[in-house]
Amino acid sequence: MFDFLKRGRLIRRGLASRKMRRRQSRGELTRTLESSAYIKMLIFAMFAGGLAFLVFSGQQPEPTKNFLIALLVLATAITQLWINQPKSFAQNSRILLVFVVIFVQLAVTKLLLVICNSGNYRFLRPEMAGLITPYALAPLVLSVLLGRQHGLYAAFFVSLWGSMLFGPIDAPLLITSLISGFTAVSLTLQVRRRSKLIRAGFYVGLAIWLLSLTFGLIGPINWFYPVANDWGMLGLQSALAIGNGIVTATIAGGALPMLENLFGITTDISWLEASDLNHPLLRRMTIEAPGTYHHSLVVANLAEAAAEAVGANATLCRVCAYFHDVGKLVKPEYFTENMSFERNPHDDLAPTMSALIIIAHVKEGVDLALKHRLNQ
């Protein structure tokens, strides 16, 4: 109420605009759902139900024991997220994203296991399930979307749960999953192009191949009598292992735009795509406010250099600098970098009105940014 009265007094004195800044439409219900403890409990309960379905489905010895172990791992995962990632734990959308991505990997792993055990496919034998499991899917996606810590979190816990889907906890598969996940996270610390995801996928596939060779998932190989080896099968197994990483990275790259839109996250890849100078607002600026456009380019170069010097996100700083003055497009001629030498429009205005026009470009910029759906 007092803010409303204060604003009215400023408007009457010509120091504030009657126009309200455009805001994102986010209702009270959405804010409540984002932080509700009941929603958190529902997400965890649904994930536990999903684990029960995966563990009890199919032929598996001692499913009850494995499910109890999976629940203990879930309790550990929740506690670890609460202690080490308090910001993510406070946002139900982040919790949902983490556990949905992990569950998708577990579900795909279980599906591939069932297909390999069915015997309906000649080349997909039960022992090949470990070669085509998408070990790095959740670590790749969460590392790019939420950062390294979330990627490591996913790599650790999805490996524990995934190893239970093959029956008793399988140490070689657990180690393969952990190392593959850690490899994926280490290669996606700063992903600015989708092609880097494919490169990371290749190295993940190489890691899977080496570990599978070490643990005997590929072979057997008779090193002393090479003629006795089935080189065709060995080649197929090697192609499946290396192709596993590449296909996983391709799927992760395709899923990123959808997940960004659903959960309101902007990755470095999207920031780089937003730096295209052919954006409608920037093209309009070159025509209507060329001085502001040149100024924005200079600020972008300075911001990027400063960010690189201190270890900040240089791409984000550059893109934000491009658009930081888009509000001047509403009245470009009132800003000094766009004025002609013949006439200063502020000469015909009261000082308070001049100040109002200059200050209002911030609100106008927010309005244009929301209207054009700029990244946040």
Protein backbone atom coordinates (compact mmCIF):
# COMPACT_ATOMS: atom_id res chain seq x y z
CA MET A 1 0.00 0.00 0.00
CA PHE A 2 2.75 2.45 0.95
CA ASP A 3 4.63 1.61 -2.25
CA PHE A 4 1.50 2.44 -4.22
CA LEU A 5 1.18 5.86 -2.53
CA LYS A 6 4.88 6.57 -3.02
CA ARG A 7 4.64 5.65 -6.70
CA GLY A 8 1.60 7.94 -7.15
CA ARG A 9 3.52 10.85 -5.63
CA LEU A 10 6.46 10.26 -8.00
CA ILE A 11 4.11 10.11 -11.00
CA ARG A 12 2.52 13.45 -10.06
CA ARG A 13 5.99 15.02 -9.82
CA GLY A 14 6.98 13.60 -13.22
CA LEU A 15 9.63 11.29 -11.75
CA ALA A 16 7.95 7.97 -12.56
CA SER A 17 6.00 6.49 -15.42
CA ARG A 18 2.40 5.32 -15.24
CA LYS A 19 3.34 2.29 -17.35
CA MET A 20 3.98 -0.86 -15.32
CA ARG A 21 6.85 -3.17 -16.15
CA ARG A 22 5.84 -6.36 -17.92
CA ARG A 23 6.32 -9.38 -15.67
CA GLN A 24 6.37 -13.08 -16.25
CA SER A 25 3.00 -14.65 -15.63
CA ARG A 26 3.74 -16.82 -12.63
CA GLY A 27 0.82 -17.31 -10.28
CA GLU A 28 0.77 -17.88 -6.56
CA LEU A 29 -0.15 -21.52 -7.12
CA THR A 30 2.99 -22.08 -9.20
CA ARG A 31 5.19 -20.53 -6.51
CA THR A 32 3.54 -22.67 -3.85
CA LEU A 33 4.02 -25.86 -5.84
CA GLU A 34 7.68 -24.98 -6.44
CA SER A 35 8.50 -25.02 -2.72
CA SER A 36 5.81 -27.29 -1.24
CA ALA A 37 7.10 -30.07 1.02
CA TYR A 38 4.16 -32.25 -0.02
CA ILE A 39 5.21 -32.03 -3.67
CA LYS A 40 8.75 -33.06 -2.67
CA MET A 41 7.38 -36.08 -0.84
CA LEU A 42 5.20 -36.94 -3.84
CA ILE A 43 8.20 -36.81 -6.22
CA PHE A 44 10.26 -39.07 -3.95
CA ALA A 45 7.33 -41.47 -3.46
CA MET A 46 6.75 -41.70 -7.22
CA PHE A 47 10.44 -42.39 -7.79
CA ALA A 48 10.36 -45.11 -5.12
CA GLY A 49 7.33 -46.62 -6.87
CA GLY A 50 9.22 -46.54 -10.16
CA LEU A 51 12.16 -48.32 -8.53
CA ALA A 52 9.79 -50.98 -7.20
CA PHE A 53 8.40 -51.56 -10.69
CA LEU A 54 11.86 -51.87 -12.23
CA VAL A 55 13.23 -54.17 -9.52
CA PHE A 56 10.21 -56.51 -9.25
CA SER A 57 9.57 -56.79 -13.00
CA GLY A 58 11.26 -59.62 -14.88
CA GLN A 59 13.17 -62.63 -13.64
CA GLN A 60 15.39 -61.45 -10.81
CA PRO A 61 16.59 -63.32 -7.70
CA GLU A 62 15.82 -61.75 -4.32
CA PRO A 63 13.89 -58.71 -5.63
CA THR A 64 12.70 -57.74 -2.14
CA LYS A 65 16.26 -57.53 -0.85
CA ASN A 66 17.33 -55.46 -3.85
CA PHE A 67 14.35 -53.12 -3.43
CA LEU A 68 15.17 -52.50 0.24
CA ILE A 69 18.75 -51.69 -0.75
CA ALA A 70 17.42 -49.37 -3.47
CA LEU A 71 15.27 -47.56 -0.87
CA LEU A 72 18.30 -47.09 1.40
CA VAL A 73 20.22 -45.68 -1.56
CA LEU A 74 17.26 -43.34 -2.25
CA ALA A 75 17.32 -42.09 1.35
CA THR A 76 21.06 -41.44 0.97
CA ALA A 77 20.48 -39.64 -2.34
CA ILE A 78 17.80 -37.38 -0.83
CA THR A 79 20.02 -36.54 2.15
CA GLN A 80 23.01 -35.84 -0.07
CA LEU A 81 20.95 -33.53 -2.30
CA TRP A 82 19.60 -31.69 0.76
CA ILE A 83 23.08 -31.16 2.28
CA ASN A 84 25.22 -30.47 -0.80
CA GLN A 85 22.71 -28.86 -3.19
CA PRO A 86 20.36 -26.79 -0.98
CA LYS A 87 19.33 -24.47 -3.84
CA SER A 88 18.24 -27.38 -6.01
CA PHE A 89 16.56 -29.09 -3.06
CA ALA A 90 14.51 -25.95 -2.42
CA GLN A 91 13.11 -26.05 -5.99
CA ASN A 92 10.72 -28.90 -6.72
CA SER A 93 11.20 -28.43 -10.46
CA ARG A 94 14.93 -29.14 -10.06
CA ILE A 95 14.24 -32.21 -7.95
CA LEU A 96 11.75 -33.42 -10.55
CA LEU A 97 14.27 -32.87 -13.35
CA VAL A 98 17.04 -34.79 -11.56
CA PHE A 99 14.93 -37.81 -10.66
CA VAL A 100 13.04 -37.95 -13.96
CA VAL A 101 16.30 -38.04 -15.94
CA ILE A 102 17.73 -40.71 -13.62
CA PHE A 103 14.55 -42.79 -13.87
CA VAL A 104 14.55 -42.55 -17.68
CA GLN A 105 18.07 -43.99 -17.76
CA LEU A 106 17.08 -46.79 -15.38
CA ALA A 107 13.95 -47.58 -17.40
CA VAL A 108 15.91 -47.72 -20.68
CA THR A 109 18.49 -49.96 -18.99
CA LYS A 110 15.76 -52.35 -17.81
CA LEU A 111 14.13 -52.39 -21.26
CA LEU A 112 17.43 -53.25 -22.96
CA LEU A 113 18.04 -55.97 -20.37
CA VAL A 114 14.64 -57.53 -21.11
CA ILE A 115 15.26 -57.37 -24.87
CA CYS A 116 18.68 -59.02 -24.55
CA ASN A 117 17.29 -61.78 -22.33
CA SER A 118 14.30 -62.45 -24.58
CA GLY A 119 16.36 -64.26 -27.22
CA ASN A 120 14.35 -62.70 -30.05
CA TYR A 121 17.37 -60.97 -31.55
CA ARG A 122 20.30 -62.97 -32.83
CA PHE A 123 23.03 -60.47 -32.06
CA LEU A 124 21.59 -59.16 -28.76
CA ARG A 125 22.52 -61.91 -26.36
CA PRO A 126 22.18 -61.58 -22.55
CA GLU A 127 25.91 -60.91 -22.08
CA MET A 128 25.64 -57.92 -24.44
CA ALA A 129 23.29 -55.99 -22.15
CA GLY A 130 26.27 -54.44 -20.41
CA LEU A 131 27.61 -53.14 -23.72
CA ILE A 132 24.50 -51.22 -24.79
CA THR A 133 23.42 -49.80 -21.43
CA PRO A 134 23.34 -45.95 -21.66
CA TYR A 135 25.57 -45.43 -18.62
CA ALA A 136 26.23 -41.74 -19.33
CA LEU A 137 22.73 -40.49 -20.23
CA ALA A 138 21.77 -38.93 -16.88
CA PRO A 139 25.29 -37.63 -16.07
CA LEU A 140 25.55 -35.99 -19.51
CA VAL A 141 22.14 -34.32 -19.39
CA LEU A 142 22.36 -33.08 -15.80
CA SER A 143 25.97 -31.93 -16.16
CA VAL A 144 25.05 -29.70 -19.11
CA LEU A 145 21.76 -28.47 -17.61
CA LEU A 146 22.64 -28.00 -13.93
CA GLY A 147 26.42 -28.22 -13.67
CA ARG A 148 29.21 -30.59 -12.71
CA GLN A 149 28.01 -31.37 -9.17
CA HIS A 150 24.63 -32.58 -10.40
CA GLY A 151 26.32 -34.64 -13.11
CA LEU A 152 28.54 -36.38 -10.54
CA TYR A 153 25.50 -36.89 -8.31
CA ALA A 154 23.66 -38.61 -11.15
CA ALA A 155 26.69 -40.72 -12.12
CA PHE A 156 27.08 -42.06 -8.59
CA PHE A 157 23.48 -42.88 -7.74
CA VAL A 158 22.33 -44.05 -11.17
CA SER A 159 25.27 -46.48 -11.12
CA LEU A 160 24.17 -47.92 -7.77
CA TRP A 161 20.56 -48.32 -8.84
CA GLY A 162 21.45 -49.54 -12.33
CA SER A 163 23.69 -52.32 -11.03
CA MET A 164 20.70 -53.75 -9.11
CA LEU A 165 18.64 -54.20 -12.27
CA PHE A 166 20.94 -57.01 -13.43
CA GLY A 167 20.23 -59.10 -10.32
CA PRO A 168 22.69 -59.09 -7.41
CA ILE A 169 24.85 -55.97 -7.42
CA ASP A 170 27.31 -56.48 -10.28
CA ALA A 171 30.71 -54.95 -9.44
CA PRO A 172 32.08 -54.78 -13.03
CA LEU A 173 28.92 -53.08 -14.29
CA LEU A 174 28.93 -50.72 -11.30
CA ILE A 175 32.54 -49.69 -11.99
CA THR A 176 31.86 -49.35 -15.74
CA SER A 177 28.86 -47.14 -15.04
CA LEU A 178 30.74 -44.96 -12.55
CA ILE A 179 33.78 -44.40 -14.76
CA SER A 180 31.61 -43.78 -17.85
CA GLY A 181 29.54 -41.22 -15.93
CA PHE A 182 32.61 -39.47 -14.51
CA THR A 183 34.16 -39.37 -17.99
CA ALA A 184 31.00 -37.77 -19.39
CA VAL A 185 30.94 -35.11 -16.66
CA SER A 186 34.64 -34.26 -17.00
CA LEU A 187 34.23 -33.71 -20.76
CA THR A 188 31.14 -31.49 -20.48
CA LEU A 189 32.28 -28.86 -17.99
CA GLN A 190 31.87 -26.07 -20.57
CA VAL A 191 29.83 -27.21 -23.55
CA ARG A 192 29.25 -24.37 -26.02
CA ARG A 193 28.51 -26.45 -29.11
CA ARG A 194 26.45 -29.59 -29.55
CA SER A 195 29.34 -31.16 -31.47
CA LYS A 196 31.29 -31.25 -28.20
CA LEU A 197 28.62 -33.57 -26.80
CA ILE A 198 29.30 -36.03 -29.62
CA ARG A 199 33.03 -35.84 -28.88
CA ALA A 200 32.31 -36.54 -25.22
CA GLY A 201 30.12 -39.46 -26.29
CA PHE A 202 32.96 -40.95 -28.33
CA TYR A 203 35.32 -40.89 -25.34
CA VAL A 204 32.60 -42.35 -23.12
CA GLY A 205 32.19 -45.16 -25.67
CA LEU A 206 35.94 -45.68 -25.67
CA ALA A 207 35.91 -45.93 -21.86
CA ILE A 208 33.06 -48.47 -22.02
CA TRP A 209 35.01 -50.49 -24.59
CA LEU A 210 38.21 -50.55 -22.52
CA LEU A 211 36.38 -51.47 -19.31
CA SER A 212 34.31 -54.14 -21.07
CA LEU A 213 37.51 -55.59 -22.49
CA THR A 214 39.07 -55.56 -19.02
CA PHE A 215 36.10 -57.25 -17.32
CA GLY A 216 35.55 -59.82 -20.05
CA LEU A 217 32.27 -58.43 -21.40
CA ILE A 218 33.93 -58.41 -24.83
CA GLY A 219 35.33 -61.72 -25.94
CA PRO A 220 36.63 -64.12 -24.88
CA ILE A 221 39.85 -63.30 -26.73
CA ASN A 222 42.59 -65.88 -27.21
CA TRP A 223 45.70 -63.69 -27.27
CA PHE A 224 48.04 -66.64 -27.87
CA TYR A 225 46.10 -68.17 -30.77
CA PRO A 226 44.39 -65.27 -32.65
CA VAL A 227 43.04 -67.54 -35.40
CA ALA A 228 40.69 -69.14 -32.87
CA ASN A 229 38.94 -65.82 -32.15
CA ASP A 230 35.55 -64.93 -33.59
CA TRP A 231 36.65 -61.56 -34.97
CA GLY A 232 33.22 -60.82 -36.42
CA MET A 233 31.59 -61.05 -32.98
CA LEU A 234 34.46 -59.13 -31.38
CA GLY A 235 34.00 -56.36 -33.95
CA LEU A 236 30.26 -56.24 -33.28
CA GLN A 237 30.80 -56.06 -29.53
CA SER A 238 33.37 -53.29 -29.93
CA ALA A 239 31.07 -51.33 -32.24
CA LEU A 240 28.21 -51.65 -29.73
CA ALA A 241 30.40 -50.41 -26.87
CA ILE A 242 31.80 -47.38 -28.71
CA GLY A 243 28.51 -46.66 -30.47
CA ASN A 244 26.80 -46.74 -27.06
CA GLY A 245 28.55 -43.54 -26.00
CA ILE A 246 27.94 -41.75 -29.32
CA VAL A 247 24.24 -42.67 -29.46
CA THR A 248 23.78 -41.67 -25.81
CA ALA A 249 25.36 -38.26 -26.45
CA THR A 250 23.19 -37.77 -29.56
CA ILE A 251 20.01 -38.53 -27.59
CA ALA A 252 21.13 -36.23 -24.77
CA GLY A 253 21.79 -33.39 -27.23
CA GLY A 254 18.35 -33.83 -28.76
CA ALA A 255 16.62 -33.83 -25.37
CA LEU A 256 18.34 -30.69 -24.07
CA PRO A 257 16.18 -28.06 -25.87
CA MET A 258 12.97 -29.71 -24.66
CA LEU A 259 14.21 -29.93 -21.07
CA GLU A 260 15.43 -26.31 -21.16
CA ASN A 261 11.96 -25.12 -22.19
CA LEU A 262 10.13 -27.34 -19.71
CA PHE A 263 12.23 -26.41 -16.68
CA GLY A 264 13.25 -22.84 -17.57
CA ILE A 265 16.99 -23.51 -17.79
CA THR A 266 19.45 -21.85 -20.16
CA THR A 267 22.64 -23.73 -21.03
CA ASP A 268 25.84 -22.37 -22.57
CA ILE A 269 24.71 -23.90 -25.87
CA SER A 270 21.55 -21.78 -25.84
CA TRP A 271 23.50 -18.67 -24.83
CA LEU A 272 25.81 -19.17 -27.79
CA GLU A 273 22.83 -19.60 -30.12
CA ALA A 274 21.35 -16.39 -28.68
CA SER A 275 24.54 -14.50 -29.59
CA ASP A 276 23.54 -14.55 -33.27
CA LEU A 277 23.57 -10.91 -34.40
CA ASN A 278 20.65 -11.61 -36.75
CA HIS A 279 18.22 -11.59 -33.83
CA PRO A 280 15.22 -9.32 -34.68
CA LEU A 281 15.95 -6.93 -31.82
CA LEU A 282 19.61 -6.54 -32.80
CA ARG A 283 18.76 -6.08 -36.48
CA ARG A 284 16.21 -3.44 -35.50
CA MET A 285 18.86 -1.76 -33.36
CA THR A 286 21.28 -1.48 -36.29
CA ILE A 287 18.68 0.58 -38.18
CA GLU A 288 16.89 2.56 -35.46
CA ALA A 289 19.69 2.98 -32.90
CA PRO A 290 23.08 2.43 -34.58
CA GLY A 291 24.95 4.23 -31.81
CA THR A 292 23.43 1.97 -29.16
CA TYR A 293 24.23 -1.07 -31.31
CA HIS A 294 27.92 -0.13 -31.56
CA HIS A 295 28.01 0.64 -27.84
CA SER A 296 26.51 -2.79 -27.07
CA LEU A 297 29.14 -4.57 -29.19
CA VAL A 298 31.93 -2.77 -27.35
CA VAL A 299 30.40 -3.58 -23.95
CA ALA A 300 29.99 -7.23 -25.04
CA ASN A 301 33.70 -7.50 -25.85
CA LEU A 302 34.67 -5.91 -22.54
CA ALA A 303 32.25 -8.10 -20.56
CA GLU A 304 33.49 -11.27 -22.23
CA ALA A 305 37.14 -10.42 -21.56
CA ALA A 306 36.41 -9.54 -17.92
CA ALA A 307 34.40 -12.74 -17.40
CA GLU A 308 37.20 -14.89 -18.83
CA ALA A 309 39.70 -13.16 -16.54
CA VAL A 310 37.74 -13.98 -13.37
CA GLY A 311 36.43 -17.40 -14.45
CA ALA A 312 32.80 -16.33 -14.93
CA ASN A 313 30.48 -17.41 -17.75
CA ALA A 314 31.88 -15.41 -20.67
CA THR A 315 29.16 -16.45 -23.14
CA LEU A 316 26.36 -15.36 -20.81
CA CYS A 317 28.05 -11.98 -20.20
CA ARG A 318 28.54 -11.39 -23.92
CA VAL A 319 24.92 -12.16 -24.84
CA CYS A 320 23.50 -10.10 -21.97
CA ALA A 321 25.66 -7.17 -23.06
CA TYR A 322 24.21 -7.39 -26.58
CA PHE A 323 20.68 -6.90 -25.23
CA HIS A 324 21.27 -4.74 -22.15
CA ASP A 325 20.14 -1.52 -23.88
CA VAL A 326 17.29 -2.78 -26.10
CA GLY A 327 14.90 -0.54 -24.15
CA LYS A 328 16.41 2.46 -25.96
CA LEU A 329 14.66 1.28 -29.14
CA VAL A 330 11.42 2.88 -27.90
CA LYS A 331 12.88 6.42 -28.00
CA PRO A 332 16.37 6.06 -29.53
CA GLU A 333 16.77 9.73 -30.46
CA TYR A 334 16.74 10.76 -26.77
CA PHE A 335 20.04 8.99 -26.01
CA THR A 336 23.33 10.70 -26.71
CA GLU A 337 24.90 7.95 -28.83
CA ASN A 338 22.00 8.22 -31.32
CA MET A 339 21.55 12.02 -31.37
CA SER A 340 22.23 14.10 -34.45
CA PHE A 341 24.55 17.11 -34.22
CA GLU A 342 21.80 19.50 -35.30
CA ARG A 343 19.31 19.11 -32.48
CA ASN A 344 19.06 17.81 -28.93
CA PRO A 345 15.45 16.74 -28.18
CA HIS A 346 16.01 17.26 -24.45
CA ASP A 347 16.25 21.02 -25.04
CA ASP A 348 12.46 21.11 -25.46
CA LEU A 349 11.71 19.09 -22.31
CA ALA A 350 11.67 19.77 -18.60
CA PRO A 351 14.55 18.14 -16.70
CA THR A 352 12.17 15.79 -14.89
CA MET A 353 10.70 14.59 -18.20
CA SER A 354 14.17 14.04 -19.65
CA ALA A 355 15.12 12.00 -16.60
CA LEU A 356 11.89 10.02 -16.88
CA ILE A 357 12.57 9.10 -20.52
CA ILE A 358 16.12 8.01 -19.76
CA ILE A 359 15.13 5.97 -16.70
CA ALA A 360 12.19 4.35 -18.52
CA HIS A 361 14.46 2.56 -20.99
CA VAL A 362 15.08 -0.09 -18.32
CA LYS A 363 11.37 -0.93 -18.09
CA GLU A 364 11.04 -0.81 -21.85
CA GLY A 365 13.98 -3.21 -22.14
CA VAL A 366 12.39 -5.72 -19.78
CA ASP A 367 9.14 -5.40 -21.72
CA LEU A 368 10.85 -6.12 -25.06
CA ALA A 369 12.91 -8.97 -23.58
CA LEU A 370 9.82 -10.75 -22.28
CA LYS A 371 7.90 -10.06 -25.48
CA HIS A 372 10.69 -11.61 -27.57
CA ARG A 373 11.23 -14.48 -25.08
CA LEU A 374 14.89 -13.79 -24.47
CA ASN A 375 16.80 -16.31 -22.34
CA GLN A 376 17.02 -15.76 -18.62
